[in-house]
Amino acid sequence: MAVAAGVLMVAMMVTIFIDVVLRNLGYQSSAHFFSFTEYALLVMPCLGAPWLVREKGHVYVEILLMYLRPQLRRKFTIGIGFACILVCAVLAWYGFEVTLRNYSLNDVDVRSMDMPRWMVVVFIPIAFSMMAIEFSRFLWRGENFLGDLGGQSGETG
């Protein structure tokens, strides 16, 4: 999924470059360029986010954790992990409901090209489900998912 996000990012960059060059040369660029860029801006983060969680590249605020004792820091980290799983699961559930509703109603996203709306939003429940799985995996294995201040045993406080 992360590789696909990277490919989309490069394709988006190339599309924007071509669009700018064509406009500067006085030509009309394709309206599909703009639609592709909009779709890619939604899909790219959805494809890349689970990989970021796995690689511990997600954003977190460590200011509170750095002032806690190691044992309390560990408990706090576990609580944060469960909160992350819950939030991701709720967003995946609602994303799945929206996708299913769009599919059953045959909703269409009308731009320069018509696209079934479920194809636009299906990446949301997939991404949040994968992120919930990644956070669950960290907790199940007892791994630290918050970097240096996540509460590993052996830390001094």
C-alpha atoms as a PDB file:
ATOM      1  CA  MET A   1       0.000   0.000   0.000  1.00  0.00           C
ATOM      2  CA  ALA A   2       2.849   2.388   0.776  1.00  0.00           C
ATOM      3  CA  VAL A   3       4.480   1.667  -2.578  1.00  0.00           C
ATOM      4  CA  ALA A   4       1.170   2.408  -4.315  1.00  0.00           C
ATOM      5  CA  ALA A   5       0.970   5.690  -2.369  1.00  0.00           C
ATOM      6  CA  GLY A   6       4.497   6.544  -3.536  1.00  0.00           C
ATOM      7  CA  VAL A   7       3.635   5.735  -7.139  1.00  0.00           C
ATOM      8  CA  LEU A   8       0.532   7.937  -6.870  1.00  0.00           C
ATOM      9  CA  MET A   9       2.639  10.759  -5.452  1.00  0.00           C
ATOM     10  CA  VAL A  10       5.056  10.575  -8.377  1.00  0.00           C
ATOM     11  CA  ALA A  11       2.178  10.325 -10.869  1.00  0.00           C
ATOM     12  CA  MET A  12       0.536  13.339  -9.272  1.00  0.00           C
ATOM     13  CA  MET A  13       3.789  15.311  -9.485  1.00  0.00           C
ATOM     14  CA  VAL A  14       4.181  14.413 -13.169  1.00  0.00           C
ATOM     15  CA  THR A  15       0.551  15.323 -13.857  1.00  0.00           C
ATOM     16  CA  ILE A  16       0.923  18.719 -12.183  1.00  0.00           C
ATOM     17  CA  PHE A  17       4.191  19.337 -14.063  1.00  0.00           C
ATOM     18  CA  ILE A  18       2.560  18.532 -17.416  1.00  0.00           C
ATOM     19  CA  ASP A  19      -0.444  20.684 -16.549  1.00  0.00           C
ATOM     20  CA  VAL A  20       1.741  23.688 -15.684  1.00  0.00           C
ATOM     21  CA  VAL A  21       3.924  23.280 -18.785  1.00  0.00           C
ATOM     22  CA  LEU A  22       0.888  23.039 -21.075  1.00  0.00           C
ATOM     23  CA  ARG A  23      -0.723  26.112 -19.548  1.00  0.00           C
ATOM     24  CA  ASN A  24       2.505  28.118 -19.786  1.00  0.00           C
ATOM     25  CA  LEU A  25       2.832  27.154 -23.452  1.00  0.00           C
ATOM     26  CA  GLY A  26      -0.673  28.472 -24.038  1.00  0.00           C
ATOM     27  CA  TYR A  27      -2.422  25.142 -24.444  1.00  0.00           C
ATOM     28  CA  GLN A  28      -5.517  23.927 -22.672  1.00  0.00           C
ATOM     29  CA  SER A  29      -4.677  21.081 -20.303  1.00  0.00           C
ATOM     30  CA  SER A  30      -6.983  18.174 -19.645  1.00  0.00           C
ATOM     31  CA  ALA A  31      -9.693  18.543 -17.012  1.00  0.00           C
ATOM     32  CA  HIS A  32      -8.863  14.964 -16.018  1.00  0.00           C
ATOM     33  CA  PHE A  33      -5.569  16.170 -14.562  1.00  0.00           C
ATOM     34  CA  PHE A  34      -7.389  18.105 -11.847  1.00  0.00           C
ATOM     35  CA  SER A  35      -9.733  15.198 -11.060  1.00  0.00           C
ATOM     36  CA  PHE A  36      -6.843  12.745 -10.878  1.00  0.00           C
ATOM     37  CA  THR A  37      -5.007  15.035  -8.455  1.00  0.00           C
ATOM     38  CA  GLU A  38      -8.078  15.369  -6.228  1.00  0.00           C
ATOM     39  CA  TYR A  39      -8.607  11.613  -6.110  1.00  0.00           C
ATOM     40  CA  ALA A  40      -4.917  10.990  -5.468  1.00  0.00           C
ATOM     41  CA  LEU A  41      -4.944  13.453  -2.565  1.00  0.00           C
ATOM     42  CA  LEU A  42      -7.619  11.327  -0.895  1.00  0.00           C
ATOM     43  CA  VAL A  43      -6.177   7.916  -1.741  1.00  0.00           C
ATOM     44  CA  MET A  44      -2.490   8.643  -1.031  1.00  0.00           C
ATOM     45  CA  PRO A  45      -2.807   9.206   2.741  1.00  0.00           C
ATOM     46  CA  CYS A  46      -5.146   6.222   3.028  1.00  0.00           C
ATOM     47  CA  LEU A  47      -2.619   3.960   1.352  1.00  0.00           C
ATOM     48  CA  GLY A  48       0.393   5.303   3.238  1.00  0.00           C
ATOM     49  CA  ALA A  49      -1.019   5.632   6.760  1.00  0.00           C
ATOM     50  CA  PRO A  50      -0.903   1.941   7.788  1.00  0.00           C
ATOM     51  CA  TRP A  51       2.735   1.757   6.730  1.00  0.00           C
ATOM     52  CA  LEU A  52       3.503   4.883   8.773  1.00  0.00           C
ATOM     53  CA  VAL A  53       1.954   3.262  11.838  1.00  0.00           C
ATOM     54  CA  ARG A  54       3.954   0.079  11.288  1.00  0.00           C
ATOM     55  CA  GLU A  55       7.188   2.049  10.903  1.00  0.00           C
ATOM     56  CA  LYS A  56       6.336   4.221  13.935  1.00  0.00           C
ATOM     57  CA  GLY A  57       6.271   7.287  11.708  1.00  0.00           C
ATOM     58  CA  HIS A  58       2.936   8.520  12.999  1.00  0.00           C
ATOM     59  CA  VAL A  59       2.712  11.804  14.870  1.00  0.00           C
ATOM     60  CA  TYR A  60       2.295  11.895  18.639  1.00  0.00           C
ATOM     61  CA  VAL A  61       2.846  14.474  21.359  1.00  0.00           C
ATOM     62  CA  GLU A  62       5.436  13.349  23.875  1.00  0.00           C
ATOM     63  CA  ILE A  63       5.496  16.293  26.278  1.00  0.00           C
ATOM     64  CA  LEU A  64       3.265  14.578  28.857  1.00  0.00           C
ATOM     65  CA  LEU A  65       5.016  11.215  28.559  1.00  0.00           C
ATOM     66  CA  MET A  66       8.474  12.632  29.190  1.00  0.00           C
ATOM     67  CA  TYR A  67       7.482  13.767  32.699  1.00  0.00           C
ATOM     68  CA  LEU A  68       5.969  10.444  33.811  1.00  0.00           C
ATOM     69  CA  ARG A  69       7.756   7.668  35.655  1.00  0.00           C
ATOM     70  CA  PRO A  70       8.522   4.616  33.459  1.00  0.00           C
ATOM     71  CA  GLN A  71       5.803   2.427  35.010  1.00  0.00           C
ATOM     72  CA  LEU A  72       3.094   5.077  34.635  1.00  0.00           C
ATOM     73  CA  ARG A  73       4.434   5.952  31.193  1.00  0.00           C
ATOM     74  CA  ARG A  74       4.009   2.302  30.157  1.00  0.00           C
ATOM     75  CA  LYS A  75       0.394   2.234  31.402  1.00  0.00           C
ATOM     76  CA  PHE A  76      -0.331   5.521  29.664  1.00  0.00           C
ATOM     77  CA  THR A  77       1.145   4.172  26.429  1.00  0.00           C
ATOM     78  CA  ILE A  78      -1.074   1.093  26.589  1.00  0.00           C
ATOM     79  CA  GLY A  79      -4.104   3.353  27.131  1.00  0.00           C
ATOM     80  CA  ILE A  80      -3.101   5.443  24.142  1.00  0.00           C
ATOM     81  CA  GLY A  81      -2.781   2.254  22.090  1.00  0.00           C
ATOM     82  CA  PHE A  82      -6.309   1.173  22.984  1.00  0.00           C
ATOM     83  CA  ALA A  83      -7.611   4.662  22.191  1.00  0.00           C
ATOM     84  CA  CYS A  84      -5.889   4.512  18.786  1.00  0.00           C
ATOM     85  CA  ILE A  85      -7.469   1.132  18.066  1.00  0.00           C
ATOM     86  CA  LEU A  86     -10.901   2.404  19.097  1.00  0.00           C
ATOM     87  CA  VAL A  87     -10.694   5.567  16.986  1.00  0.00           C
ATOM     88  CA  CYS A  88      -9.427   3.655  13.946  1.00  0.00           C
ATOM     89  CA  ALA A  89     -12.122   0.991  14.351  1.00  0.00           C
ATOM     90  CA  VAL A  90     -14.895   3.593  14.613  1.00  0.00           C
ATOM     91  CA  LEU A  91     -13.646   5.454  11.551  1.00  0.00           C
ATOM     92  CA  ALA A  92     -13.294   2.183   9.641  1.00  0.00           C
ATOM     93  CA  TRP A  93     -16.853   1.210  10.590  1.00  0.00           C
ATOM     94  CA  TYR A  94     -18.339   4.519   9.448  1.00  0.00           C
ATOM     95  CA  GLY A  95     -16.185   4.466   6.324  1.00  0.00           C
ATOM     96  CA  PHE A  96     -17.486   0.983   5.578  1.00  0.00           C
ATOM     97  CA  GLU A  97     -21.078   2.166   6.082  1.00  0.00           C
ATOM     98  CA  VAL A  98     -20.553   5.089   3.684  1.00  0.00           C
ATOM     99  CA  THR A  99     -18.890   2.827   1.120  1.00  0.00           C
ATOM    100  CA  LEU A 100     -21.674   0.259   1.360  1.00  0.00           C
ATOM    101  CA  ARG A 101     -24.372   2.951   1.112  1.00  0.00           C
ATOM    102  CA  ASN A 102     -22.676   4.518  -1.920  1.00  0.00           C
ATOM    103  CA  TYR A 103     -22.427   1.092  -3.535  1.00  0.00           C
ATOM    104  CA  SER A 104     -26.046   0.105  -2.850  1.00  0.00           C
ATOM    105  CA  LEU A 105     -27.422   3.463  -4.032  1.00  0.00           C
ATOM    106  CA  ASN A 106     -25.167   3.499  -7.118  1.00  0.00           C
ATOM    107  CA  ASP A 107     -23.958   6.991  -6.194  1.00  0.00           C
ATOM    108  CA  VAL A 108     -21.722   8.578  -8.788  1.00  0.00           C
ATOM    109  CA  ASP A 109     -19.007  11.182  -8.255  1.00  0.00           C
ATOM    110  CA  VAL A 110     -19.409  13.562 -11.188  1.00  0.00           C
ATOM    111  CA  ARG A 111     -16.336  15.532 -12.183  1.00  0.00           C
ATOM    112  CA  SER A 112     -14.492  15.544 -15.489  1.00  0.00           C
ATOM    113  CA  MET A 113     -15.141  11.810 -15.469  1.00  0.00           C
ATOM    114  CA  ASP A 114     -17.942   9.912 -13.772  1.00  0.00           C
ATOM    115  CA  MET A 115     -16.770   7.460 -11.139  1.00  0.00           C
ATOM    116  CA  PRO A 116     -18.765   5.288  -8.760  1.00  0.00           C
ATOM    117  CA  ARG A 117     -18.496   7.051  -5.402  1.00  0.00           C
ATOM    118  CA  TRP A 118     -17.810   3.824  -3.523  1.00  0.00           C
ATOM    119  CA  MET A 119     -14.548   3.545  -5.486  1.00  0.00           C
ATOM    120  CA  VAL A 120     -13.524   6.929  -4.145  1.00  0.00           C
ATOM    121  CA  VAL A 121     -14.238   6.190  -0.471  1.00  0.00           C
ATOM    122  CA  VAL A 122     -13.424   2.465  -0.235  1.00  0.00           C
ATOM    123  CA  PHE A 123      -9.838   3.315   0.725  1.00  0.00           C
ATOM    124  CA  ILE A 124     -10.987   4.939   3.985  1.00  0.00           C
ATOM    125  CA  PRO A 125     -12.292   1.795   5.739  1.00  0.00           C
ATOM    126  CA  ILE A 126      -9.399  -0.244   4.370  1.00  0.00           C
ATOM    127  CA  ALA A 127      -6.821   2.218   5.715  1.00  0.00           C
ATOM    128  CA  PHE A 128      -8.376   2.623   9.140  1.00  0.00           C
ATOM    129  CA  SER A 129      -8.882  -1.135   9.493  1.00  0.00           C
ATOM    130  CA  MET A 130      -5.223  -1.709   8.661  1.00  0.00           C
ATOM    131  CA  MET A 131      -4.150   0.969  11.160  1.00  0.00           C
ATOM    132  CA  ALA A 132      -6.300  -0.645  13.888  1.00  0.00           C
ATOM    133  CA  ILE A 133      -4.611  -3.960  13.095  1.00  0.00           C
ATOM    134  CA  GLU A 134      -1.165  -2.364  13.316  1.00  0.00           C
ATOM    135  CA  PHE A 135      -1.893  -0.734  16.688  1.00  0.00           C
ATOM    136  CA  SER A 136      -3.355  -4.050  17.909  1.00  0.00           C
ATOM    137  CA  ARG A 137      -0.229  -5.834  16.755  1.00  0.00           C
ATOM    138  CA  PHE A 138       1.957  -3.475  18.783  1.00  0.00           C
ATOM    139  CA  LEU A 139      -0.104  -4.025  21.918  1.00  0.00           C
ATOM    140  CA  TRP A 140      -0.352  -7.788  21.427  1.00  0.00           C
ATOM    141  CA  ARG A 141       3.412  -8.118  21.115  1.00  0.00           C
ATOM    142  CA  GLY A 142       4.076  -5.629  23.906  1.00  0.00           C
ATOM    143  CA  GLU A 143       6.036  -3.449  21.510  1.00  0.00           C
ATOM    144  CA  ASN A 144       6.595   0.240  21.952  1.00  0.00           C
ATOM    145  CA  PHE A 145       4.818   2.168  19.192  1.00  0.00           C
ATOM    146  CA  LEU A 146       5.641   5.674  20.434  1.00  0.00           C
ATOM    147  CA  GLY A 147       9.375   5.816  19.874  1.00  0.00           C
ATOM    148  CA  ASP A 148      11.845   6.525  22.679  1.00  0.00           C
ATOM    149  CA  LEU A 149       9.345   7.745  25.269  1.00  0.00           C
ATOM    150  CA  GLY A 150       6.757   5.023  24.841  1.00  0.00           C
ATOM    151  CA  GLY A 151       7.471   3.273  28.124  1.00  0.00           C
ATOM    152  CA  GLN A 152       9.856   0.400  27.417  1.00  0.00           C
ATOM    153  CA  SER A 153      11.073  -1.473  30.460  1.00  0.00           C
ATOM    154  CA  GLY A 154      14.490  -0.560  31.726  1.00  0.00           C
ATOM    155  CA  GLU A 155      14.022   3.183  31.341  1.00  0.00           C
ATOM    156  CA  THR A 156      14.938   5.499  34.152  1.00  0.00           C
ATOM    157  CA  GLY A 157      12.614   8.255  35.195  1.00  0.00           C
END
